[in-house]
Amino acid sequence: MSDPLTPKSGARYLLEHEADEDRCARYRAAVITPEARFDYRAVLGTDGAVELSPVAAAAPAELEETLAMIARLTARSAAKKEEDGFSPWPHRVLRWRGPGRG
């Protein structure tokens, strides 16, 4: 049985919250393409800082840069969410980028 997150084209970017640490959050992250899946550990800070560490093989640079950009946007919004009384770290972030989507 194939992974239901595997796209027919383009790539899916996934962040799944694992734990909070001081002003940071730990996430399991992945770049999923029709041909492969690249898993990462990610640490996001409320200051917008992002640290990605591949679990095994890293994704091609362009795909990893997109994952980092999505993670940075998630991190940058955390402080405002917390200030507004919401949970700063979303449980799951799932984005798709492909033909016609940029």
PDB file of N, CA and C in Angstrom:
ATOM      1  N   MET A   1       0.846  -1.187   0.000  1.00  0.00           N
ATOM      2  CA  MET A   1       0.000   0.000   0.000  1.00  0.00           C
ATOM      3  C   MET A   1       0.885   1.243   0.000  1.00  0.00           C
ATOM      4  N   SER A   2       0.595   2.153  -0.885  1.00  0.00           N
ATOM      5  CA  SER A   2       1.417   3.357  -0.979  1.00  0.00           C
ATOM      6  C   SER A   2       0.987   4.389   0.056  1.00  0.00           C
ATOM      7  N   ASP A   3       1.890   5.320   0.316  1.00  0.00           N
ATOM      8  CA  ASP A   3       1.636   6.405   1.262  1.00  0.00           C
ATOM      9  C   ASP A   3       0.572   7.328   0.663  1.00  0.00           C
ATOM     10  N   PRO A   4      -0.514   7.612   1.376  1.00  0.00           N
ATOM     11  CA  PRO A   4      -1.559   8.488   0.829  1.00  0.00           C
ATOM     12  C   PRO A   4      -1.088   9.930   0.606  1.00  0.00           C
ATOM     13  N   LEU A   5       0.056  10.303   1.179  1.00  0.00           N
ATOM     14  CA  LEU A   5       0.583  11.655   0.977  1.00  0.00           C
ATOM     15  C   LEU A   5       1.408  11.784  -0.297  1.00  0.00           C
ATOM     16  N   THR A   6       1.703  10.673  -0.964  1.00  0.00           N
ATOM     17  CA  THR A   6       2.510  10.717  -2.180  1.00  0.00           C
ATOM     18  C   THR A   6       1.732  11.419  -3.293  1.00  0.00           C
ATOM     19  N   PRO A   7       2.272  12.527  -3.802  1.00  0.00           N
ATOM     20  CA  PRO A   7       1.565  13.255  -4.862  1.00  0.00           C
ATOM     21  C   PRO A   7       1.772  12.593  -6.227  1.00  0.00           C
ATOM     22  N   LYS A   8       0.883  12.876  -7.155  1.00  0.00           N
ATOM     23  CA  LYS A   8       1.042  12.384  -8.529  1.00  0.00           C
ATOM     24  C   LYS A   8       2.068  13.231  -9.285  1.00  0.00           C
ATOM     25  N   SER A   9       2.205  14.499  -8.862  1.00  0.00           N
ATOM     26  CA  SER A   9       3.201  15.397  -9.440  1.00  0.00           C
ATOM     27  C   SER A   9       3.605  16.401  -8.375  1.00  0.00           C
ATOM     28  N   GLY A  10       4.702  17.078  -8.603  1.00  0.00           N
ATOM     29  CA  GLY A  10       5.164  18.079  -7.647  1.00  0.00           C
ATOM     30  C   GLY A  10       5.702  17.443  -6.378  1.00  0.00           C
ATOM     31  N   ALA A  11       5.555  18.157  -5.264  1.00  0.00           N
ATOM     32  CA  ALA A  11       6.061  17.664  -3.980  1.00  0.00           C
ATOM     33  C   ALA A  11       5.151  18.117  -2.851  1.00  0.00           C
ATOM     34  N   ARG A  12       5.043  17.274  -1.848  1.00  0.00           N
ATOM     35  CA  ARG A  12       4.330  17.633  -0.622  1.00  0.00           C
ATOM     36  C   ARG A  12       5.363  17.894   0.454  1.00  0.00           C
ATOM     37  N   TYR A  13       5.066  18.880   1.294  1.00  0.00           N
ATOM     38  CA  TYR A  13       5.942  19.277   2.392  1.00  0.00           C
ATOM     39  C   TYR A  13       5.155  19.117   3.684  1.00  0.00           C
ATOM     40  N   LEU A  14       5.703  18.366   4.613  1.00  0.00           N
ATOM     41  CA  LEU A  14       4.999  18.008   5.835  1.00  0.00           C
ATOM     42  C   LEU A  14       5.815  18.381   7.067  1.00  0.00           C
ATOM     43  N   LEU A  15       5.157  19.007   8.031  1.00  0.00           N
ATOM     44  CA  LEU A  15       5.728  19.270   9.356  1.00  0.00           C
ATOM     45  C   LEU A  15       4.750  18.699  10.368  1.00  0.00           C
ATOM     46  N   GLU A  16       5.222  17.812  11.258  1.00  0.00           N
ATOM     47  CA  GLU A  16       4.381  17.244  12.307  1.00  0.00           C
ATOM     48  C   GLU A  16       5.026  17.532  13.658  1.00  0.00           C
ATOM     49  N   HIS A  17       4.282  18.238  14.508  1.00  0.00           N
ATOM     50  CA  HIS A  17       4.778  18.684  15.810  1.00  0.00           C
ATOM     51  C   HIS A  17       5.085  17.493  16.711  1.00  0.00           C
ATOM     52  N   GLU A  18       6.262  17.525  17.348  1.00  0.00           N
ATOM     53  CA  GLU A  18       6.644  16.490  18.300  1.00  0.00           C
ATOM     54  C   GLU A  18       6.650  17.013  19.732  1.00  0.00           C
ATOM     55  N   ALA A  19       7.293  18.165  19.973  1.00  0.00           N
ATOM     56  CA  ALA A  19       7.427  18.667  21.341  1.00  0.00           C
ATOM     57  C   ALA A  19       7.808  20.143  21.338  1.00  0.00           C
ATOM     58  N   ASP A  20       7.462  20.810  22.448  1.00  0.00           N
ATOM     59  CA  ASP A  20       7.873  22.197  22.681  1.00  0.00           C
ATOM     60  C   ASP A  20       9.136  22.197  23.521  1.00  0.00           C
ATOM     61  N   GLU A  21      10.008  23.144  23.254  1.00  0.00           N
ATOM     62  CA  GLU A  21      11.243  23.325  24.016  1.00  0.00           C
ATOM     63  C   GLU A  21      11.474  24.814  24.185  1.00  0.00           C
ATOM     64  N   ASP A  22      11.303  25.340  25.390  1.00  0.00           N
ATOM     65  CA  ASP A  22      11.520  26.748  25.679  1.00  0.00           C
ATOM     66  C   ASP A  22      10.821  27.610  24.623  1.00  0.00           C
ATOM     67  N   ARG A  23      11.526  28.323  23.791  1.00  0.00           N
ATOM     68  CA  ARG A  23      10.938  29.180  22.749  1.00  0.00           C
ATOM     69  C   ARG A  23      11.055  28.525  21.371  1.00  0.00           C
ATOM     70  N   CYS A  24      11.128  27.194  21.377  1.00  0.00           N
ATOM     71  CA  CYS A  24      11.274  26.426  20.141  1.00  0.00           C
ATOM     72  C   CYS A  24      10.278  25.271  20.123  1.00  0.00           C
ATOM     73  N   ALA A  25      10.161  24.654  18.958  1.00  0.00           N
ATOM     74  CA  ALA A  25       9.362  23.436  18.815  1.00  0.00           C
ATOM     75  C   ALA A  25      10.129  22.468  17.929  1.00  0.00           C
ATOM     76  N   ARG A  26      10.001  21.185  18.247  1.00  0.00           N
ATOM     77  CA  ARG A  26      10.594  20.130  17.437  1.00  0.00           C
ATOM     78  C   ARG A  26       9.518  19.536  16.538  1.00  0.00           C
ATOM     79  N   TYR A  27       9.886  19.315  15.283  1.00  0.00           N
ATOM     80  CA  TYR A  27       8.973  18.734  14.292  1.00  0.00           C
ATOM     81  C   TYR A  27       9.650  17.592  13.544  1.00  0.00           C
ATOM     82  N   ARG A  28       8.837  16.603  13.157  1.00  0.00           N
ATOM     83  CA  ARG A  28       9.241  15.652  12.124  1.00  0.00           C
ATOM     84  C   ARG A  28       8.856  16.337  10.820  1.00  0.00           C
ATOM     85  N   ALA A  29       9.722  16.298   9.850  1.00  0.00           N
ATOM     86  CA  ALA A  29       9.446  16.975   8.585  1.00  0.00           C
ATOM     87  C   ALA A  29       9.751  16.022   7.438  1.00  0.00           C
ATOM     88  N   ALA A  30       9.118  16.282   6.304  1.00  0.00           N
ATOM     89  CA  ALA A  30       9.357  15.428   5.135  1.00  0.00           C
ATOM     90  C   ALA A  30       9.090  16.202   3.856  1.00  0.00           C
ATOM     91  N   VAL A  31       9.827  15.826   2.829  1.00  0.00           N
ATOM     92  CA  VAL A  31       9.559  16.238   1.459  1.00  0.00           C
ATOM     93  C   VAL A  31       9.174  14.947   0.746  1.00  0.00           C
ATOM     94  N   ILE A  32       7.973  14.929   0.156  1.00  0.00           N
ATOM     95  CA  ILE A  32       7.469  13.714  -0.474  1.00  0.00           C
ATOM     96  C   ILE A  32       7.208  14.004  -1.947  1.00  0.00           C
ATOM     97  N   THR A  33       7.875  13.259  -2.813  1.00  0.00           N
ATOM     98  CA  THR A  33       7.695  13.394  -4.251  1.00  0.00           C
ATOM     99  C   THR A  33       7.104  12.090  -4.781  1.00  0.00           C
ATOM    100  N   PRO A  34       6.692  12.045  -6.050  1.00  0.00           N
ATOM    101  CA  PRO A  34       6.178  10.786  -6.584  1.00  0.00           C
ATOM    102  C   PRO A  34       7.216   9.647  -6.547  1.00  0.00           C
ATOM    103  N   GLU A  35       8.495  10.003  -6.573  1.00  0.00           N
ATOM    104  CA  GLU A  35       9.552   8.990  -6.632  1.00  0.00           C
ATOM    105  C   GLU A  35      10.211   8.683  -5.289  1.00  0.00           C
ATOM    106  N   ALA A  36      10.176   9.617  -4.336  1.00  0.00           N
ATOM    107  CA  ALA A  36      10.958   9.432  -3.103  1.00  0.00           C
ATOM    108  C   ALA A  36      10.370  10.226  -1.941  1.00  0.00           C
ATOM    109  N   ARG A  37      10.826   9.849  -0.744  1.00  0.00           N
ATOM    110  CA  ARG A  37      10.472  10.577   0.475  1.00  0.00           C
ATOM    111  C   ARG A  37      11.773  10.901   1.204  1.00  0.00           C
ATOM    112  N   PHE A  38      11.916  12.172   1.636  1.00  0.00           N
ATOM    113  CA  PHE A  38      13.103  12.628   2.346  1.00  0.00           C
ATOM    114  C   PHE A  38      12.653  13.118   3.720  1.00  0.00           C
ATOM    115  N   ASP A  39      13.097  12.424   4.766  1.00  0.00           N
ATOM    116  CA  ASP A  39      12.682  12.755   6.127  1.00  0.00           C
ATOM    117  C   ASP A  39      13.728  13.622   6.826  1.00  0.00           C
ATOM    118  N   TYR A  40      13.219  14.518   7.676  1.00  0.00           N
ATOM    119  CA  TYR A  40      14.057  15.474   8.400  1.00  0.00           C
ATOM    120  C   TYR A  40      13.605  15.577   9.847  1.00  0.00           C
ATOM    121  N   ARG A  41      14.478  16.084  10.678  1.00  0.00           N
ATOM    122  CA  ARG A  41      14.146  16.587  12.004  1.00  0.00           C
ATOM    123  C   ARG A  41      14.265  18.099  11.852  1.00  0.00           C
ATOM    124  N   ALA A  42      13.320  18.826  12.443  1.00  0.00           N
ATOM    125  CA  ALA A  42      13.331  20.282  12.333  1.00  0.00           C
ATOM    126  C   ALA A  42      13.139  20.905  13.712  1.00  0.00           C
ATOM    127  N   VAL A  43      13.883  21.973  13.968  1.00  0.00           N
ATOM    128  CA  VAL A  43      13.699  22.775  15.175  1.00  0.00           C
ATOM    129  C   VAL A  43      13.350  24.177  14.704  1.00  0.00           C
ATOM    130  N   LEU A  44      12.187  24.671  15.155  1.00  0.00           N
ATOM    131  CA  LEU A  44      11.699  25.988  14.773  1.00  0.00           C
ATOM    132  C   LEU A  44      11.686  26.883  16.006  1.00  0.00           C
ATOM    133  N   GLY A  45      12.160  28.101  15.848  1.00  0.00           N
ATOM    134  CA  GLY A  45      12.175  29.060  16.951  1.00  0.00           C
ATOM    135  C   GLY A  45      11.169  30.167  16.732  1.00  0.00           C
ATOM    136  N   THR A  46      10.681  30.749  17.814  1.00  0.00           N
ATOM    137  CA  THR A  46       9.712  31.845  17.684  1.00  0.00           C
ATOM    138  C   THR A  46      10.329  33.086  17.041  1.00  0.00           C
ATOM    139  N   ASP A  47      11.656  33.121  16.950  1.00  0.00           N
ATOM    140  CA  ASP A  47      12.335  34.236  16.276  1.00  0.00           C
ATOM    141  C   ASP A  47      12.438  34.007  14.769  1.00  0.00           C
ATOM    142  N   GLY A  48      11.858  32.911  14.271  1.00  0.00           N
ATOM    143  CA  GLY A  48      11.890  32.601  12.846  1.00  0.00           C
ATOM    144  C   GLY A  48      13.039  31.703  12.439  1.00  0.00           C
ATOM    145  N   ALA A  49      13.884  31.332  13.391  1.00  0.00           N
ATOM    146  CA  ALA A  49      15.020  30.464  13.083  1.00  0.00           C
ATOM    147  C   ALA A  49      14.540  29.036  12.804  1.00  0.00           C
ATOM    148  N   VAL A  50      15.195  28.396  11.850  1.00  0.00           N
ATOM    149  CA  VAL A  50      14.865  27.021  11.481  1.00  0.00           C
ATOM    150  C   VAL A  50      16.156  26.234  11.313  1.00  0.00           C
ATOM    151  N   GLU A  51      16.180  25.056  11.905  1.00  0.00           N
ATOM    152  CA  GLU A  51      17.305  24.136  11.738  1.00  0.00           C
ATOM    153  C   GLU A  51      16.755  22.820  11.211  1.00  0.00           C
ATOM    154  N   LEU A  52      17.178  22.439   9.997  1.00  0.00           N
ATOM    155  CA  LEU A  52      16.763  21.178   9.387  1.00  0.00           C
ATOM    156  C   LEU A  52      17.925  20.192   9.405  1.00  0.00           C
ATOM    157  N   SER A  53      17.643  18.953   9.799  1.00  0.00           N
ATOM    158  CA  SER A  53      18.653  17.895   9.790  1.00  0.00           C
ATOM    159  C   SER A  53      18.062  16.681   9.090  1.00  0.00           C
ATOM    160  N   PRO A  54      18.659  16.264   7.968  1.00  0.00           N
ATOM    161  CA  PRO A  54      18.122  15.083   7.280  1.00  0.00           C
ATOM    162  C   PRO A  54      18.309  13.830   8.140  1.00  0.00           C
ATOM    163  N   VAL A  55      17.317  12.955   8.125  1.00  0.00           N
ATOM    164  CA  VAL A  55      17.393  11.689   8.855  1.00  0.00           C
ATOM    165  C   VAL A  55      18.298  10.722   8.103  1.00  0.00           C
ATOM    166  N   ALA A  56      18.182  10.693   6.802  1.00  0.00           N
ATOM    167  CA  ALA A  56      19.042   9.854   5.950  1.00  0.00           C
ATOM    168  C   ALA A  56      19.542  10.752   4.817  1.00  0.00           C
ATOM    169  N   ALA A  57      19.183  10.445   3.605  1.00  0.00           N
ATOM    170  CA  ALA A  57      19.599  11.263   2.462  1.00  0.00           C
ATOM    171  C   ALA A  57      18.800  12.565   2.433  1.00  0.00           C
ATOM    172  N   ALA A  58      19.466  13.647   2.103  1.00  0.00           N
ATOM    173  CA  ALA A  58      18.811  14.948   1.985  1.00  0.00           C
ATOM    174  C   ALA A  58      18.100  15.051   0.640  1.00  0.00           C
ATOM    175  N   ALA A  59      17.060  15.857   0.605  1.00  0.00           N
ATOM    176  CA  ALA A  59      16.347  16.134  -0.640  1.00  0.00           C
ATOM    177  C   ALA A  59      17.220  17.009  -1.525  1.00  0.00           C
ATOM    178  N   PRO A  60      16.942  17.031  -2.831  1.00  0.00           N
ATOM    179  CA  PRO A  60      17.645  17.980  -3.691  1.00  0.00           C
ATOM    180  C   PRO A  60      17.489  19.402  -3.142  1.00  0.00           C
ATOM    181  N   ALA A  61      18.492  20.236  -3.373  1.00  0.00           N
ATOM    182  CA  ALA A  61      18.569  21.572  -2.777  1.00  0.00           C
ATOM    183  C   ALA A  61      17.299  22.394  -2.952  1.00  0.00           C
ATOM    184  N   GLU A  62      16.719  22.392  -4.136  1.00  0.00           N
ATOM    185  CA  GLU A  62      15.517  23.196  -4.397  1.00  0.00           C
ATOM    186  C   GLU A  62      14.353  22.752  -3.507  1.00  0.00           C
ATOM    187  N   LEU A  63      14.181  21.452  -3.345  1.00  0.00           N
ATOM    188  CA  LEU A  63      13.104  20.932  -2.506  1.00  0.00           C
ATOM    189  C   LEU A  63      13.361  21.236  -1.030  1.00  0.00           C
ATOM    190  N   GLU A  64      14.613  21.090  -0.599  1.00  0.00           N
ATOM    191  CA  GLU A  64      14.954  21.387   0.795  1.00  0.00           C
ATOM    192  C   GLU A  64      14.769  22.871   1.102  1.00  0.00           C
ATOM    193  N   GLU A  65      15.090  23.739   0.145  1.00  0.00           N
ATOM    194  CA  GLU A  65      14.896  25.176   0.338  1.00  0.00           C
ATOM    195  C   GLU A  65      13.414  25.515   0.517  1.00  0.00           C
ATOM    196  N   THR A  66      12.549  24.838  -0.223  1.00  0.00           N
ATOM    197  CA  THR A  66      11.111  25.072  -0.076  1.00  0.00           C
ATOM    198  C   THR A  66      10.629  24.598   1.289  1.00  0.00           C
ATOM    199  N   LEU A  67      11.102  23.446   1.742  1.00  0.00           N
ATOM    200  CA  LEU A  67      10.766  22.967   3.085  1.00  0.00           C
ATOM    201  C   LEU A  67      11.217  23.974   4.141  1.00  0.00           C
ATOM    202  N   ALA A  68      12.419  24.501   3.992  1.00  0.00           N
ATOM    203  CA  ALA A  68      12.941  25.496   4.938  1.00  0.00           C
ATOM    204  C   ALA A  68      12.091  26.766   4.930  1.00  0.00           C
ATOM    205  N   MET A  69      11.645  27.197   3.762  1.00  0.00           N
ATOM    206  CA  MET A  69      10.807  28.391   3.649  1.00  0.00           C
ATOM    207  C   MET A  69       9.468  28.186   4.358  1.00  0.00           C
ATOM    208  N   ILE A  70       8.843  27.023   4.175  1.00  0.00           N
ATOM    209  CA  ILE A  70       7.570  26.720   4.838  1.00  0.00           C
ATOM    210  C   ILE A  70       7.779  26.667   6.350  1.00  0.00           C
ATOM    211  N   ALA A  71       8.879  26.073   6.784  1.00  0.00           N
ATOM    212  CA  ALA A  71       9.193  26.000   8.215  1.00  0.00           C
ATOM    213  C   ALA A  71       9.430  27.410   8.786  1.00  0.00           C
ATOM    214  N   ARG A  72      10.137  28.273   8.045  1.00  0.00           N
ATOM    215  CA  ARG A  72      10.386  29.650   8.506  1.00  0.00           C
ATOM    216  C   ARG A  72       9.079  30.428   8.657  1.00  0.00           C
ATOM    217  N   LEU A  73       8.180  30.282   7.704  1.00  0.00           N
ATOM    218  CA  LEU A  73       6.888  30.969   7.793  1.00  0.00           C
ATOM    219  C   LEU A  73       6.101  30.487   9.014  1.00  0.00           C
ATOM    220  N   THR A  74       6.159  29.197   9.288  1.00  0.00           N
ATOM    221  CA  THR A  74       5.492  28.631  10.458  1.00  0.00           C
ATOM    222  C   THR A  74       6.113  29.190  11.732  1.00  0.00           C
ATOM    223  N   ALA A  75       7.442  29.243  11.774  1.00  0.00           N
ATOM    224  CA  ALA A  75       8.152  29.742  12.949  1.00  0.00           C
ATOM    225  C   ALA A  75       7.876  31.229  13.171  1.00  0.00           C
ATOM    226  N   ARG A  76       7.891  32.011  12.104  1.00  0.00           N
ATOM    227  CA  ARG A  76       7.690  33.456  12.232  1.00  0.00           C
ATOM    228  C   ARG A  76       6.301  33.809  12.736  1.00  0.00           C
ATOM    229  N   SER A  77       5.315  32.955  12.471  1.00  0.00           N
ATOM    230  CA  SER A  77       3.949  33.251  12.916  1.00  0.00           C
ATOM    231  C   SER A  77       3.696  32.811  14.359  1.00  0.00           C
ATOM    232  N   ALA A  78       4.589  32.026  14.950  1.00  0.00           N
ATOM    233  CA  ALA A  78       4.369  31.463  16.287  1.00  0.00           C
ATOM    234  C   ALA A  78       4.236  32.532  17.366  1.00  0.00           C
ATOM    235  N   ALA A  79       5.115  33.521  17.373  1.00  0.00           N
ATOM    236  CA  ALA A  79       5.080  34.545  18.427  1.00  0.00           C
ATOM    237  C   ALA A  79       3.764  35.322  18.392  1.00  0.00           C
ATOM    238  N   LYS A  80       3.281  35.663  17.219  1.00  0.00           N
ATOM    239  CA  LYS A  80       2.023  36.401  17.085  1.00  0.00           C
ATOM    240  C   LYS A  80       0.841  35.558  17.551  1.00  0.00           C
ATOM    241  N   LYS A  81       0.844  34.275  17.184  1.00  0.00           N
ATOM    242  CA  LYS A  81      -0.238  33.389  17.632  1.00  0.00           C
ATOM    243  C   LYS A  81      -0.272  33.310  19.152  1.00  0.00           C
ATOM    244  N   GLU A  82       0.906  33.177  19.759  1.00  0.00           N
ATOM    245  CA  GLU A  82       0.995  33.095  21.208  1.00  0.00           C
ATOM    246  C   GLU A  82       0.512  34.405  21.854  1.00  0.00           C
ATOM    247  N   GLU A  83       0.921  35.520  21.269  1.00  0.00           N
ATOM    248  CA  GLU A  83       0.510  36.842  21.759  1.00  0.00           C
ATOM    249  C   GLU A  83      -1.008  36.994  21.699  1.00  0.00           C
ATOM    250  N   ASP A  84      -1.630  36.401  20.685  1.00  0.00           N
ATOM    251  CA  ASP A  84      -3.081  36.476  20.510  1.00  0.00           C
ATOM    252  C   ASP A  84      -3.832  35.429  21.335  1.00  0.00           C
ATOM    253  N   GLY A  85      -3.098  34.622  22.123  1.00  0.00           N
ATOM    254  CA  GLY A  85      -3.741  33.651  23.000  1.00  0.00           C
ATOM    255  C   GLY A  85      -3.986  32.289  22.390  1.00  0.00           C
ATOM    256  N   PHE A  86      -3.382  32.044  21.246  1.00  0.00           N
ATOM    257  CA  PHE A  86      -3.531  30.750  20.585  1.00  0.00           C
ATOM    258  C   PHE A  86      -2.291  29.896  20.814  1.00  0.00           C
ATOM    259  N   SER A  87      -2.425  28.611  20.543  1.00  0.00           N
ATOM    260  CA  SER A  87      -1.266  27.724  20.589  1.00  0.00           C
ATOM    261  C   SER A  87      -0.298  28.165  19.488  1.00  0.00           C
ATOM    262  N   PRO A  88       0.966  28.415  19.826  1.00  0.00           N
ATOM    263  CA  PRO A  88       1.887  28.954  18.824  1.00  0.00           C
ATOM    264  C   PRO A  88       2.302  27.953  17.754  1.00  0.00           C
ATOM    265  N   TRP A  89       2.267  26.671  18.080  1.00  0.00           N
ATOM    266  CA  TRP A  89       2.801  25.665  17.166  1.00  0.00           C
ATOM    267  C   TRP A  89       1.696  24.776  16.617  1.00  0.00           C
ATOM    268  N   PRO A  90       1.463  24.820  15.306  1.00  0.00           N
ATOM    269  CA  PRO A  90       0.435  23.949  14.734  1.00  0.00           C
ATOM    270  C   PRO A  90       0.834  22.478  14.842  1.00  0.00           C
ATOM    271  N   HIS A  91      -0.167  21.637  15.022  1.00  0.00           N
ATOM    272  CA  HIS A  91       0.082  20.200  15.128  1.00  0.00           C
ATOM    273  C   HIS A  91       0.649  19.653  13.815  1.00  0.00           C
ATOM    274  N   ARG A  92       0.108  20.149  12.703  1.00  0.00           N
ATOM    275  CA  ARG A  92       0.527  19.639  11.396  1.00  0.00           C
ATOM    276  C   ARG A  92       0.433  20.747  10.361  1.00  0.00           C
ATOM    277  N   VAL A  93       1.455  20.804   9.513  1.00  0.00           N
ATOM    278  CA  VAL A  93       1.462  21.725   8.372  1.00  0.00           C
ATOM    279  C   VAL A  93       1.719  20.864   7.149  1.00  0.00           C
ATOM    280  N   LEU A  94       0.830  20.938   6.159  1.00  0.00           N
ATOM    281  CA  LEU A  94       0.973  20.151   4.935  1.00  0.00           C
ATOM    282  C   LEU A  94       0.744  21.079   3.749  1.00  0.00           C
ATOM    283  N   ARG A  95       1.736  21.168   2.878  1.00  0.00           N
ATOM    284  CA  ARG A  95       1.650  22.031   1.696  1.00  0.00           C
ATOM    285  C   ARG A  95       2.043  21.233   0.456  1.00  0.00           C
ATOM    286  N   TRP A  96       1.488  21.628  -0.682  1.00  0.00           N
ATOM    287  CA  TRP A  96       1.833  21.004  -1.958  1.00  0.00           C
ATOM    288  C   TRP A  96       2.326  22.088  -2.892  1.00  0.00           C
ATOM    289  N   ARG A  97       3.378  21.786  -3.621  1.00  0.00           N
ATOM    290  CA  ARG A  97       3.882  22.680  -4.662  1.00  0.00           C
ATOM    291  C   ARG A  97       4.111  21.839  -5.914  1.00  0.00           C
ATOM    292  N   GLY A  98       3.622  22.344  -7.023  1.00  0.00           N
ATOM    293  CA  GLY A  98       3.776  21.602  -8.264  1.00  0.00           C
ATOM    294  C   GLY A  98       3.422  22.461  -9.459  1.00  0.00           C
ATOM    295  N   PRO A  99       3.196  21.820 -10.592  1.00  0.00           N
ATOM    296  CA  PRO A  99       2.879  22.569 -11.807  1.00  0.00           C
ATOM    297  C   PRO A  99       1.703  23.521 -11.595  1.00  0.00           C
ATOM    298  N   GLY A 100       1.913  24.781 -11.936  1.00  0.00           N
ATOM    299  CA  GLY A 100       0.875  25.781 -11.793  1.00  0.00           C
ATOM    300  C   GLY A 100       0.725  26.303 -10.379  1.00  0.00           C
ATOM    301  N   ARG A 101       1.546  25.827  -9.451  1.00  0.00           N
ATOM    302  CA  ARG A 101       1.409  26.234  -8.052  1.00  0.00           C
ATOM    303  C   ARG A 101       2.666  26.946  -7.548  1.00  0.00           C
ATOM    304  N   GLY A 102       3.765  26.887  -8.267  1.00  0.00           N
ATOM    305  CA  GLY A 102       4.970  27.601  -7.887  1.00  0.00           C
ATOM    306  C   GLY A 102       5.815  27.013  -6.845  1.00  0.00           C
TER     307      GLY A 102
END
